[in-house]
Amino acid sequence: MNMNVVSLETNALTKAHLADLLFDQIGLNKRESKDMVEAFFDLIAQKLIAGEDVKVTGFGNFQIRTKAPRPGRNPRTGESVPIHARRVVTFHASQKLKVQIQNQDDAGEP
């Protein structure tokens, strides 16, 4: 299944654009398309909030990382400010995606 994203009006791929692509190319109705996209991203968010990694084969991995507290500095005043521990999401592209991106660059296409 080849989904053509070139026809989108902006460079950003949004949830609304994904829902429209499902509607146009797969034939789901608009409500089903929107619900499917929302459910997909809700599931990813729930897994990440629970501290689980999310692996999308051929695309990449989303991981939760806990960053330790550290000293920081206010760039305006130079005052020392503590930066508290926090959890962040990281994304690592799969090798397959990296190769696709590299091949696109090598072809001279945007």
C-alpha atoms as a PDB file:
ATOM      1  CA  MET A   1       0.000   0.000   0.000  1.00  0.00           C
ATOM      2  CA  ASN A   2       1.610   3.257  -1.147  1.00  0.00           C
ATOM      3  CA  MET A   3       0.319   6.365   0.625  1.00  0.00           C
ATOM      4  CA  ASN A   4       1.189   9.514  -1.275  1.00  0.00           C
ATOM      5  CA  VAL A   5       1.893  12.320   1.199  1.00  0.00           C
ATOM      6  CA  VAL A   6       3.212  14.789  -1.384  1.00  0.00           C
ATOM      7  CA  SER A   7      -0.251  16.259  -1.974  1.00  0.00           C
ATOM      8  CA  LEU A   8      -0.523  17.658   1.549  1.00  0.00           C
ATOM      9  CA  GLU A   9      -0.713  21.443   1.804  1.00  0.00           C
ATOM     10  CA  THR A  10       1.969  21.851   4.482  1.00  0.00           C
ATOM     11  CA  ASN A  11       5.248  20.110   5.205  1.00  0.00           C
ATOM     12  CA  ALA A  12       3.923  18.806   8.537  1.00  0.00           C
ATOM     13  CA  LEU A  13       2.088  15.488   8.645  1.00  0.00           C
ATOM     14  CA  THR A  14      -0.746  16.006  11.128  1.00  0.00           C
ATOM     15  CA  LYS A  15      -3.317  13.685  12.665  1.00  0.00           C
ATOM     16  CA  ALA A  16      -5.939  15.286  10.433  1.00  0.00           C
ATOM     17  CA  HIS A  17      -3.816  14.568   7.347  1.00  0.00           C
ATOM     18  CA  LEU A  18      -3.370  10.950   8.443  1.00  0.00           C
ATOM     19  CA  ALA A  19      -7.132  10.587   8.925  1.00  0.00           C
ATOM     20  CA  ASP A  20      -7.727  12.097   5.460  1.00  0.00           C
ATOM     21  CA  LEU A  21      -5.245   9.649   3.925  1.00  0.00           C
ATOM     22  CA  LEU A  22      -7.058   6.720   5.570  1.00  0.00           C
ATOM     23  CA  PHE A  23     -10.339   8.072   4.222  1.00  0.00           C
ATOM     24  CA  ASP A  24      -9.024   8.683   0.689  1.00  0.00           C
ATOM     25  CA  GLN A  25      -6.803   5.669   0.157  1.00  0.00           C
ATOM     26  CA  ILE A  26      -8.277   2.919   2.313  1.00  0.00           C
ATOM     27  CA  GLY A  27     -11.939   3.845   2.187  1.00  0.00           C
ATOM     28  CA  LEU A  28     -12.749   4.191   5.864  1.00  0.00           C
ATOM     29  CA  ASN A  29     -15.376   6.810   6.632  1.00  0.00           C
ATOM     30  CA  LYS A  30     -14.150  10.086   8.130  1.00  0.00           C
ATOM     31  CA  ARG A  31     -15.244   9.246  11.684  1.00  0.00           C
ATOM     32  CA  GLU A  32     -13.565   5.816  11.582  1.00  0.00           C
ATOM     33  CA  SER A  33     -10.394   7.353  10.143  1.00  0.00           C
ATOM     34  CA  LYS A  34     -10.198  10.013  12.841  1.00  0.00           C
ATOM     35  CA  ASP A  35     -10.950   7.482  15.599  1.00  0.00           C
ATOM     36  CA  MET A  36      -8.295   5.072  14.304  1.00  0.00           C
ATOM     37  CA  VAL A  37      -5.594   7.759  14.238  1.00  0.00           C
ATOM     38  CA  GLU A  38      -6.562   8.980  17.722  1.00  0.00           C
ATOM     39  CA  ALA A  39      -6.583   5.423  19.091  1.00  0.00           C
ATOM     40  CA  PHE A  40      -3.133   4.751  17.619  1.00  0.00           C
ATOM     41  CA  PHE A  41      -1.541   7.796  19.222  1.00  0.00           C
ATOM     42  CA  ASP A  42      -3.440   7.305  22.504  1.00  0.00           C
ATOM     43  CA  LEU A  43      -2.073   3.760  22.734  1.00  0.00           C
ATOM     44  CA  ILE A  44       1.496   4.967  22.142  1.00  0.00           C
ATOM     45  CA  ALA A  45       1.081   7.683  24.781  1.00  0.00           C
ATOM     46  CA  GLN A  46      -0.399   5.239  27.330  1.00  0.00           C
ATOM     47  CA  LYS A  47       2.508   2.820  26.894  1.00  0.00           C
ATOM     48  CA  LEU A  48       5.079   5.607  27.257  1.00  0.00           C
ATOM     49  CA  ILE A  49       3.339   7.015  30.355  1.00  0.00           C
ATOM     50  CA  ALA A  50       3.435   3.508  31.841  1.00  0.00           C
ATOM     51  CA  GLY A  51       7.197   3.488  31.257  1.00  0.00           C
ATOM     52  CA  GLU A  52       7.134   0.949  28.426  1.00  0.00           C
ATOM     53  CA  ASP A  53       9.123   1.268  25.208  1.00  0.00           C
ATOM     54  CA  VAL A  54       7.199   1.470  21.933  1.00  0.00           C
ATOM     55  CA  LYS A  55       8.761  -0.252  18.924  1.00  0.00           C
ATOM     56  CA  VAL A  56       7.359   0.363  15.444  1.00  0.00           C
ATOM     57  CA  THR A  57       8.997  -2.130  13.107  1.00  0.00           C
ATOM     58  CA  GLY A  58      10.656  -0.467  10.138  1.00  0.00           C
ATOM     59  CA  PHE A  59      10.202   2.989  11.667  1.00  0.00           C
ATOM     60  CA  GLY A  60      11.884   3.249  15.072  1.00  0.00           C
ATOM     61  CA  ASN A  61      11.681   3.061  18.846  1.00  0.00           C
ATOM     62  CA  PHE A  62      10.225   5.481  21.356  1.00  0.00           C
ATOM     63  CA  GLN A  63      11.788   5.126  24.796  1.00  0.00           C
ATOM     64  CA  ILE A  64      11.291   6.751  28.191  1.00  0.00           C
ATOM     65  CA  ARG A  65      14.506   7.961  29.774  1.00  0.00           C
ATOM     66  CA  THR A  66      14.876   9.322  33.295  1.00  0.00           C
ATOM     67  CA  LYS A  67      17.226  12.266  33.448  1.00  0.00           C
ATOM     68  CA  ALA A  68      19.026  12.817  36.734  1.00  0.00           C
ATOM     69  CA  PRO A  69      18.882  16.155  38.567  1.00  0.00           C
ATOM     70  CA  ARG A  70      21.749  18.464  37.735  1.00  0.00           C
ATOM     71  CA  PRO A  71      22.905  21.999  38.343  1.00  0.00           C
ATOM     72  CA  GLY A  72      21.894  24.536  35.728  1.00  0.00           C
ATOM     73  CA  ARG A  73      22.416  28.216  35.098  1.00  0.00           C
ATOM     74  CA  ASN A  74      20.057  31.038  34.196  1.00  0.00           C
ATOM     75  CA  PRO A  75      21.652  32.413  31.008  1.00  0.00           C
ATOM     76  CA  ARG A  76      20.398  35.953  31.683  1.00  0.00           C
ATOM     77  CA  THR A  77      21.566  36.360  35.237  1.00  0.00           C
ATOM     78  CA  GLY A  78      24.198  33.651  35.530  1.00  0.00           C
ATOM     79  CA  GLU A  79      22.436  32.499  38.696  1.00  0.00           C
ATOM     80  CA  SER A  80      22.784  28.796  39.552  1.00  0.00           C
ATOM     81  CA  VAL A  81      19.440  26.987  39.292  1.00  0.00           C
ATOM     82  CA  PRO A  82      18.795  23.313  40.093  1.00  0.00           C
ATOM     83  CA  ILE A  83      17.268  21.283  37.253  1.00  0.00           C
ATOM     84  CA  HIS A  84      15.030  18.593  38.736  1.00  0.00           C
ATOM     85  CA  ALA A  85      14.945  14.931  37.666  1.00  0.00           C
ATOM     86  CA  ARG A  86      12.454  14.282  34.898  1.00  0.00           C
ATOM     87  CA  ARG A  87      11.313  11.700  32.389  1.00  0.00           C
ATOM     88  CA  VAL A  88      11.742  12.392  28.685  1.00  0.00           C
ATOM     89  CA  VAL A  89      10.792  10.556  25.493  1.00  0.00           C
ATOM     90  CA  THR A  90      13.541   9.737  23.024  1.00  0.00           C
ATOM     91  CA  PHE A  91      13.149   8.442  19.479  1.00  0.00           C
ATOM     92  CA  HIS A  92      15.672   6.307  17.650  1.00  0.00           C
ATOM     93  CA  ALA A  93      15.038   5.701  13.956  1.00  0.00           C
ATOM     94  CA  SER A  94      15.270   2.115  12.736  1.00  0.00           C
ATOM     95  CA  GLN A  95      18.076   1.122  10.406  1.00  0.00           C
ATOM     96  CA  LYS A  96      15.503   0.627   7.636  1.00  0.00           C
ATOM     97  CA  LEU A  97      14.237   4.219   8.033  1.00  0.00           C
ATOM     98  CA  LYS A  98      17.791   5.572   8.159  1.00  0.00           C
ATOM     99  CA  VAL A  99      18.622   3.789   4.892  1.00  0.00           C
ATOM    100  CA  GLN A 100      15.454   5.130   3.231  1.00  0.00           C
ATOM    101  CA  ILE A 101      16.290   8.677   4.321  1.00  0.00           C
ATOM    102  CA  GLN A 102      19.893   8.322   3.179  1.00  0.00           C
ATOM    103  CA  ASN A 103      18.825   6.932  -0.215  1.00  0.00           C
ATOM    104  CA  GLN A 104      16.408   9.849  -0.631  1.00  0.00           C
ATOM    105  CA  ASP A 105      19.251  12.304   0.073  1.00  0.00           C
ATOM    106  CA  ASP A 106      21.581  10.482  -2.337  1.00  0.00           C
ATOM    107  CA  ALA A 107      18.981  10.745  -5.102  1.00  0.00           C
ATOM    108  CA  GLY A 108      19.026  14.541  -4.746  1.00  0.00           C
ATOM    109  CA  GLU A 109      15.330  14.704  -3.950  1.00  0.00           C
ATOM    110  CA  PRO A 110      13.844  16.719  -1.074  1.00  0.00           C
END
